[in-house]
Amino acid sequence: MVTGGLMSYAPNLVDQFRRAASHIDRILKGEKPADLPVQQPTKVELVINMKTAKALGPTVPLPLLARADEVIE
């Protein structure tokens, strides 16, 4: 039974929370939320789950593994 995803390419959540804290700080200092710029993620991470890959059977190319930010064994 496979209980995890094969790959994830998504924004770094820690970075997102830090950026949100900056916005909250500005709001608490009196800025209007409507005046704050919309911010898009600036850092994304590629995570590959090799345990799931072995269970499902596909071969993950070595260049893709080399580019991954994290490889779960």
PDB file of N, CA and C in Angstrom:
ATOM      1  N   MET A   1       0.835  -1.184   0.000  1.00  0.00           N
ATOM      2  CA  MET A   1       0.000   0.000   0.000  1.00  0.00           C
ATOM      3  C   MET A   1       0.879   1.246   0.000  1.00  0.00           C
ATOM      4  N   VAL A   2       0.615   2.166  -0.914  1.00  0.00           N
ATOM      5  CA  VAL A   2       1.356   3.418  -1.009  1.00  0.00           C
ATOM      6  C   VAL A   2       0.579   4.489  -0.252  1.00  0.00           C
ATOM      7  N   THR A   3       1.266   5.186   0.647  1.00  0.00           N
ATOM      8  CA  THR A   3       0.575   6.190   1.459  1.00  0.00           C
ATOM      9  C   THR A   3       1.149   7.584   1.281  1.00  0.00           C
ATOM     10  N   GLY A   4       1.900   7.828   0.219  1.00  0.00           N
ATOM     11  CA  GLY A   4       2.480   9.147   0.013  1.00  0.00           C
ATOM     12  C   GLY A   4       2.471   9.524  -1.444  1.00  0.00           C
ATOM     13  N   GLY A   5       2.624  10.817  -1.696  1.00  0.00           N
ATOM     14  CA  GLY A   5       2.686  11.307  -3.060  1.00  0.00           C
ATOM     15  C   GLY A   5       4.028  11.002  -3.678  1.00  0.00           C
ATOM     16  N   LEU A   6       4.061  10.951  -4.993  1.00  0.00           N
ATOM     17  CA  LEU A   6       5.305  10.662  -5.707  1.00  0.00           C
ATOM     18  C   LEU A   6       6.203  11.889  -5.764  1.00  0.00           C
ATOM     19  N   MET A   7       5.624  13.039  -6.146  1.00  0.00           N
ATOM     20  CA  MET A   7       6.400  14.271  -6.251  1.00  0.00           C
ATOM     21  C   MET A   7       5.555  15.460  -5.842  1.00  0.00           C
ATOM     22  N   SER A   8       6.247  16.499  -5.440  1.00  0.00           N
ATOM     23  CA  SER A   8       5.583  17.752  -5.114  1.00  0.00           C
ATOM     24  C   SER A   8       6.445  18.892  -5.623  1.00  0.00           C
ATOM     25  N   TYR A   9       5.830  19.825  -6.320  1.00  0.00           N
ATOM     26  CA  TYR A   9       6.503  21.045  -6.758  1.00  0.00           C
ATOM     27  C   TYR A   9       5.605  22.182  -6.289  1.00  0.00           C
ATOM     28  N   ALA A  10       5.961  22.771  -5.164  1.00  0.00           N
ATOM     29  CA  ALA A  10       5.062  23.721  -4.514  1.00  0.00           C
ATOM     30  C   ALA A  10       5.850  24.818  -3.809  1.00  0.00           C
ATOM     31  N   PRO A  11       5.159  25.906  -3.458  1.00  0.00           N
ATOM     32  CA  PRO A  11       5.829  26.981  -2.717  1.00  0.00           C
ATOM     33  C   PRO A  11       6.349  26.486  -1.372  1.00  0.00           C
ATOM     34  N   ASN A  12       7.442  27.077  -0.932  1.00  0.00           N
ATOM     35  CA  ASN A  12       8.008  26.792   0.374  1.00  0.00           C
ATOM     36  C   ASN A  12       7.100  27.425   1.423  1.00  0.00           C
ATOM     37  N   LEU A  13       6.464  26.610   2.262  1.00  0.00           N
ATOM     38  CA  LEU A  13       5.494  27.113   3.232  1.00  0.00           C
ATOM     39  C   LEU A  13       6.124  27.995   4.301  1.00  0.00           C
ATOM     40  N   VAL A  14       7.335  27.671   4.732  1.00  0.00           N
ATOM     41  CA  VAL A  14       8.004  28.492   5.740  1.00  0.00           C
ATOM     42  C   VAL A  14       8.213  29.902   5.195  1.00  0.00           C
ATOM     43  N   ASP A  15       8.647  30.005   3.951  1.00  0.00           N
ATOM     44  CA  ASP A  15       8.836  31.309   3.311  1.00  0.00           C
ATOM     45  C   ASP A  15       7.508  32.055   3.203  1.00  0.00           C
ATOM     46  N   GLN A  16       6.439  31.344   2.866  1.00  0.00           N
ATOM     47  CA  GLN A  16       5.116  31.965   2.759  1.00  0.00           C
ATOM     48  C   GLN A  16       4.662  32.532   4.103  1.00  0.00           C
ATOM     49  N   PHE A  17       4.879  31.788   5.185  1.00  0.00           N
ATOM     50  CA  PHE A  17       4.477  32.254   6.509  1.00  0.00           C
ATOM     51  C   PHE A  17       5.282  33.483   6.926  1.00  0.00           C
ATOM     52  N   ARG A  18       6.569  33.507   6.596  1.00  0.00           N
ATOM     53  CA  ARG A  18       7.397  34.678   6.918  1.00  0.00           C
ATOM     54  C   ARG A  18       6.895  35.908   6.173  1.00  0.00           C
ATOM     55  N   ARG A  19       6.548  35.724   4.926  1.00  0.00           N
ATOM     56  CA  ARG A  19       6.051  36.855   4.138  1.00  0.00           C
ATOM     57  C   ARG A  19       4.692  37.320   4.651  1.00  0.00           C
ATOM     58  N   ALA A  20       3.862  36.383   5.095  1.00  0.00           N
ATOM     59  CA  ALA A  20       2.567  36.751   5.671  1.00  0.00           C
ATOM     60  C   ALA A  20       2.764  37.534   6.962  1.00  0.00           C
ATOM     61  N   ALA A  21       3.743  37.145   7.762  1.00  0.00           N
ATOM     62  CA  ALA A  21       4.028  37.859   9.006  1.00  0.00           C
ATOM     63  C   ALA A  21       4.430  39.298   8.722  1.00  0.00           C
ATOM     64  N   SER A  22       5.154  39.510   7.646  1.00  0.00           N
ATOM     65  CA  SER A  22       5.529  40.866   7.257  1.00  0.00           C
ATOM     66  C   SER A  22       4.289  41.704   6.934  1.00  0.00           C
ATOM     67  N   HIS A  23       3.348  41.104   6.227  1.00  0.00           N
ATOM     68  CA  HIS A  23       2.092  41.797   5.908  1.00  0.00           C
ATOM     69  C   HIS A  23       1.306  42.105   7.180  1.00  0.00           C
ATOM     70  N   ILE A  24       1.238  41.145   8.078  1.00  0.00           N
ATOM     71  CA  ILE A  24       0.505  41.353   9.335  1.00  0.00           C
ATOM     72  C   ILE A  24       1.138  42.482  10.131  1.00  0.00           C
ATOM     73  N   ASP A  25       2.460  42.513  10.167  1.00  0.00           N
ATOM     74  CA  ASP A  25       3.162  43.589  10.866  1.00  0.00           C
ATOM     75  C   ASP A  25       2.797  44.948  10.288  1.00  0.00           C
ATOM     76  N   ARG A  26       2.771  45.040   8.977  1.00  0.00           N
ATOM     77  CA  ARG A  26       2.418  46.313   8.332  1.00  0.00           C
ATOM     78  C   ARG A  26       0.978  46.719   8.633  1.00  0.00           C
ATOM     79  N   ILE A  27       0.069  45.749   8.688  1.00  0.00           N
ATOM     80  CA  ILE A  27      -1.333  46.031   9.008  1.00  0.00           C
ATOM     81  C   ILE A  27      -1.449  46.524  10.451  1.00  0.00           C
ATOM     82  N   LEU A  28      -0.737  45.858  11.362  1.00  0.00           N
ATOM     83  CA  LEU A  28      -0.790  46.259  12.765  1.00  0.00           C
ATOM     84  C   LEU A  28      -0.183  47.650  12.994  1.00  0.00           C
ATOM     85  N   LYS A  29       0.692  48.061  12.077  1.00  0.00           N
ATOM     86  CA  LYS A  29       1.284  49.402  12.174  1.00  0.00           C
ATOM     87  C   LYS A  29       0.427  50.467  11.499  1.00  0.00           C
ATOM     88  N   GLY A  30      -0.751  50.055  10.974  1.00  0.00           N
ATOM     89  CA  GLY A  30      -1.696  51.037  10.468  1.00  0.00           C
ATOM     90  C   GLY A  30      -1.962  51.043   8.977  1.00  0.00           C
ATOM     91  N   GLU A  31      -1.243  50.255   8.206  1.00  0.00           N
ATOM     92  CA  GLU A  31      -1.506  50.242   6.764  1.00  0.00           C
ATOM     93  C   GLU A  31      -2.819  49.519   6.489  1.00  0.00           C
ATOM     94  N   LYS A  32      -3.497  49.946   5.456  1.00  0.00           N
ATOM     95  CA  LYS A  32      -4.745  49.289   5.060  1.00  0.00           C
ATOM     96  C   LYS A  32      -4.416  48.027   4.253  1.00  0.00           C
ATOM     97  N   PRO A  33      -5.088  46.927   4.556  1.00  0.00           N
ATOM     98  CA  PRO A  33      -4.828  45.694   3.802  1.00  0.00           C
ATOM     99  C   PRO A  33      -5.007  45.872   2.290  1.00  0.00           C
ATOM    100  N   ALA A  34      -5.956  46.708   1.897  1.00  0.00           N
ATOM    101  CA  ALA A  34      -6.198  46.916   0.463  1.00  0.00           C
ATOM    102  C   ALA A  34      -5.030  47.617  -0.222  1.00  0.00           C
ATOM    103  N   ASP A  35      -4.201  48.313   0.549  1.00  0.00           N
ATOM    104  CA  ASP A  35      -3.059  49.031  -0.030  1.00  0.00           C
ATOM    105  C   ASP A  35      -1.807  48.172  -0.145  1.00  0.00           C
ATOM    106  N   LEU A  36      -1.826  46.994   0.444  1.00  0.00           N
ATOM    107  CA  LEU A  36      -0.651  46.119   0.395  1.00  0.00           C
ATOM    108  C   LEU A  36      -0.621  45.363  -0.938  1.00  0.00           C
ATOM    109  N   PRO A  37       0.563  45.165  -1.482  1.00  0.00           N
ATOM    110  CA  PRO A  37       0.655  44.447  -2.753  1.00  0.00           C
ATOM    111  C   PRO A  37       0.383  42.958  -2.583  1.00  0.00           C
ATOM    112  N   VAL A  38      -0.158  42.358  -3.615  1.00  0.00           N
ATOM    113  CA  VAL A  38      -0.333  40.907  -3.640  1.00  0.00           C
ATOM    114  C   VAL A  38       1.031  40.305  -3.935  1.00  0.00           C
ATOM    115  N   GLN A  39       1.421  39.342  -3.139  1.00  0.00           N
ATOM    116  CA  GLN A  39       2.735  38.738  -3.327  1.00  0.00           C
ATOM    117  C   GLN A  39       2.583  37.294  -3.782  1.00  0.00           C
ATOM    118  N   GLN A  40       3.335  36.963  -4.800  1.00  0.00           N
ATOM    119  CA  GLN A  40       3.343  35.588  -5.284  1.00  0.00           C
ATOM    120  C   GLN A  40       4.544  34.869  -4.695  1.00  0.00           C
ATOM    121  N   PRO A  41       4.476  33.557  -4.606  1.00  0.00           N
ATOM    122  CA  PRO A  41       5.615  32.809  -4.063  1.00  0.00           C
ATOM    123  C   PRO A  41       6.879  33.082  -4.869  1.00  0.00           C
ATOM    124  N   THR A  42       7.991  33.196  -4.158  1.00  0.00           N
ATOM    125  CA  THR A  42       9.269  33.427  -4.823  1.00  0.00           C
ATOM    126  C   THR A  42      10.175  32.205  -4.748  1.00  0.00           C
ATOM    127  N   LYS A  43       9.834  31.272  -3.886  1.00  0.00           N
ATOM    128  CA  LYS A  43      10.651  30.080  -3.718  1.00  0.00           C
ATOM    129  C   LYS A  43       9.752  28.852  -3.789  1.00  0.00           C
ATOM    130  N   VAL A  44      10.048  27.975  -4.723  1.00  0.00           N
ATOM    131  CA  VAL A  44       9.316  26.713  -4.830  1.00  0.00           C
ATOM    132  C   VAL A  44      10.309  25.568  -4.642  1.00  0.00           C
ATOM    133  N   GLU A  45       9.796  24.449  -4.174  1.00  0.00           N
ATOM    134  CA  GLU A  45      10.646  23.302  -3.901  1.00  0.00           C
ATOM    135  C   GLU A  45      10.127  22.066  -4.633  1.00  0.00           C
ATOM    136  N   LEU A  46      11.056  21.270  -5.111  1.00  0.00           N
ATOM    137  CA  LEU A  46      10.738  19.980  -5.716  1.00  0.00           C
ATOM    138  C   LEU A  46      11.119  18.898  -4.721  1.00  0.00           C
ATOM    139  N   VAL A  47      10.134  18.101  -4.315  1.00  0.00           N
ATOM    140  CA  VAL A  47      10.364  16.995  -3.385  1.00  0.00           C
ATOM    141  C   VAL A  47       9.963  15.703  -4.097  1.00  0.00           C
ATOM    142  N   ILE A  48      10.832  14.716  -4.055  1.00  0.00           N
ATOM    143  CA  ILE A  48      10.574  13.419  -4.690  1.00  0.00           C
ATOM    144  C   ILE A  48      10.587  12.346  -3.617  1.00  0.00           C
ATOM    145  N   ASN A  49       9.554  11.527  -3.610  1.00  0.00           N
ATOM    146  CA  ASN A  49       9.432  10.441  -2.644  1.00  0.00           C
ATOM    147  C   ASN A  49       9.842   9.139  -3.326  1.00  0.00           C
ATOM    148  N   MET A  50      11.071   8.702  -3.057  1.00  0.00           N
ATOM    149  CA  MET A  50      11.581   7.490  -3.695  1.00  0.00           C
ATOM    150  C   MET A  50      10.904   6.229  -3.153  1.00  0.00           C
ATOM    151  N   LYS A  51      10.439   6.260  -1.927  1.00  0.00           N
ATOM    152  CA  LYS A  51       9.732   5.102  -1.373  1.00  0.00           C
ATOM    153  C   LYS A  51       8.462   4.837  -2.186  1.00  0.00           C
ATOM    154  N   THR A  52       7.745   5.901  -2.515  1.00  0.00           N
ATOM    155  CA  THR A  52       6.541   5.758  -3.330  1.00  0.00           C
ATOM    156  C   THR A  52       6.914   5.354  -4.754  1.00  0.00           C
ATOM    157  N   ALA A  53       7.991   5.921  -5.293  1.00  0.00           N
ATOM    158  CA  ALA A  53       8.424   5.566  -6.649  1.00  0.00           C
ATOM    159  C   ALA A  53       8.753   4.076  -6.744  1.00  0.00           C
ATOM    160  N   LYS A  54       9.421   3.564  -5.719  1.00  0.00           N
ATOM    161  CA  LYS A  54       9.753   2.126  -5.732  1.00  0.00           C
ATOM    162  C   LYS A  54       8.500   1.273  -5.637  1.00  0.00           C
ATOM    163  N   ALA A  55       7.509   1.732  -4.870  1.00  0.00           N
ATOM    164  CA  ALA A  55       6.264   0.961  -4.722  1.00  0.00           C
ATOM    165  C   ALA A  55       5.441   0.980  -6.004  1.00  0.00           C
ATOM    166  N   LEU A  56       5.462   2.111  -6.723  1.00  0.00           N
ATOM    167  CA  LEU A  56       4.664   2.232  -7.946  1.00  0.00           C
ATOM    168  C   LEU A  56       5.379   1.683  -9.176  1.00  0.00           C
ATOM    169  N   GLY A  57       6.716   1.733  -9.157  1.00  0.00           N
ATOM    170  CA  GLY A  57       7.466   1.157 -10.248  1.00  0.00           C
ATOM    171  C   GLY A  57       8.121   2.089 -11.248  1.00  0.00           C
ATOM    172  N   PRO A  58       7.771   3.399 -11.327  1.00  0.00           N
ATOM    173  CA  PRO A  58       8.432   4.216 -12.349  1.00  0.00           C
ATOM    174  C   PRO A  58       9.887   4.515 -11.983  1.00  0.00           C
ATOM    175  N   THR A  59      10.700   4.678 -13.006  1.00  0.00           N
ATOM    176  CA  THR A  59      12.092   5.048 -12.803  1.00  0.00           C
ATOM    177  C   THR A  59      12.191   6.572 -12.818  1.00  0.00           C
ATOM    178  N   VAL A  60      12.791   7.123 -11.788  1.00  0.00           N
ATOM    179  CA  VAL A  60      12.968   8.575 -11.712  1.00  0.00           C
ATOM    180  C   VAL A  60      14.338   8.891 -12.310  1.00  0.00           C
ATOM    181  N   PRO A  61      14.376   9.705 -13.367  1.00  0.00           N
ATOM    182  CA  PRO A  61      15.654  10.020 -14.016  1.00  0.00           C
ATOM    183  C   PRO A  61      16.636  10.709 -13.062  1.00  0.00           C
ATOM    184  N   LEU A  62      17.910  10.362 -13.183  1.00  0.00           N
ATOM    185  CA  LEU A  62      18.939  10.941 -12.321  1.00  0.00           C
ATOM    186  C   LEU A  62      19.013  12.467 -12.413  1.00  0.00           C
ATOM    187  N   PRO A  63      18.867  13.078 -13.610  1.00  0.00           N
ATOM    188  CA  PRO A  63      18.893  14.549 -13.650  1.00  0.00           C
ATOM    189  C   PRO A  63      17.763  15.185 -12.832  1.00  0.00           C
ATOM    190  N   LEU A  64      16.609  14.530 -12.791  1.00  0.00           N
ATOM    191  CA  LEU A  64      15.507  15.040 -11.985  1.00  0.00           C
ATOM    192  C   LEU A  64      15.826  14.904 -10.502  1.00  0.00           C
ATOM    193  N   LEU A  65      16.421  13.796 -10.106  1.00  0.00           N
ATOM    194  CA  LEU A  65      16.817  13.621  -8.710  1.00  0.00           C
ATOM    195  C   LEU A  65      17.872  14.664  -8.307  1.00  0.00           C
ATOM    196  N   ALA A  66      18.756  14.985  -9.235  1.00  0.00           N
ATOM    197  CA  ALA A  66      19.808  15.968  -8.938  1.00  0.00           C
ATOM    198  C   ALA A  66      19.220  17.362  -8.732  1.00  0.00           C
ATOM    199  N   ARG A  67      18.126  17.673  -9.408  1.00  0.00           N
ATOM    200  CA  ARG A  67      17.512  18.994  -9.277  1.00  0.00           C
ATOM    201  C   ARG A  67      16.576  19.105  -8.077  1.00  0.00           C
ATOM    202  N   ALA A  68      16.218  17.984  -7.477  1.00  0.00           N
ATOM    203  CA  ALA A  68      15.272  18.005  -6.356  1.00  0.00           C
ATOM    204  C   ALA A  68      15.869  18.708  -5.147  1.00  0.00           C
ATOM    205  N   ASP A  69      15.028  19.461  -4.448  1.00  0.00           N
ATOM    206  CA  ASP A  69      15.442  20.115  -3.219  1.00  0.00           C
ATOM    207  C   ASP A  69      15.495  19.105  -2.071  1.00  0.00           C
ATOM    208  N   GLU A  70      14.641  18.097  -2.155  1.00  0.00           N
ATOM    209  CA  GLU A  70      14.602  17.059  -1.116  1.00  0.00           C
ATOM    210  C   GLU A  70      14.223  15.729  -1.762  1.00  0.00           C
ATOM    211  N   VAL A  71      14.894  14.669  -1.357  1.00  0.00           N
ATOM    212  CA  VAL A  71      14.560  13.323  -1.812  1.00  0.00           C
ATOM    213  C   VAL A  71      14.265  12.495  -0.567  1.00  0.00           C
ATOM    214  N   ILE A  72      13.060  11.972  -0.501  1.00  0.00           N
ATOM    215  CA  ILE A  72      12.645  11.147   0.628  1.00  0.00           C
ATOM    216  C   ILE A  72      12.969   9.697   0.295  1.00  0.00           C
ATOM    217  N   GLU A  73      13.766   9.079   1.134  1.00  0.00           N
ATOM    218  CA  GLU A  73      14.171   7.691   0.883  1.00  0.00           C
ATOM    219  C   GLU A  73      13.163   6.787   1.462  1.00  0.00           C
TER     220      GLU A  73
END
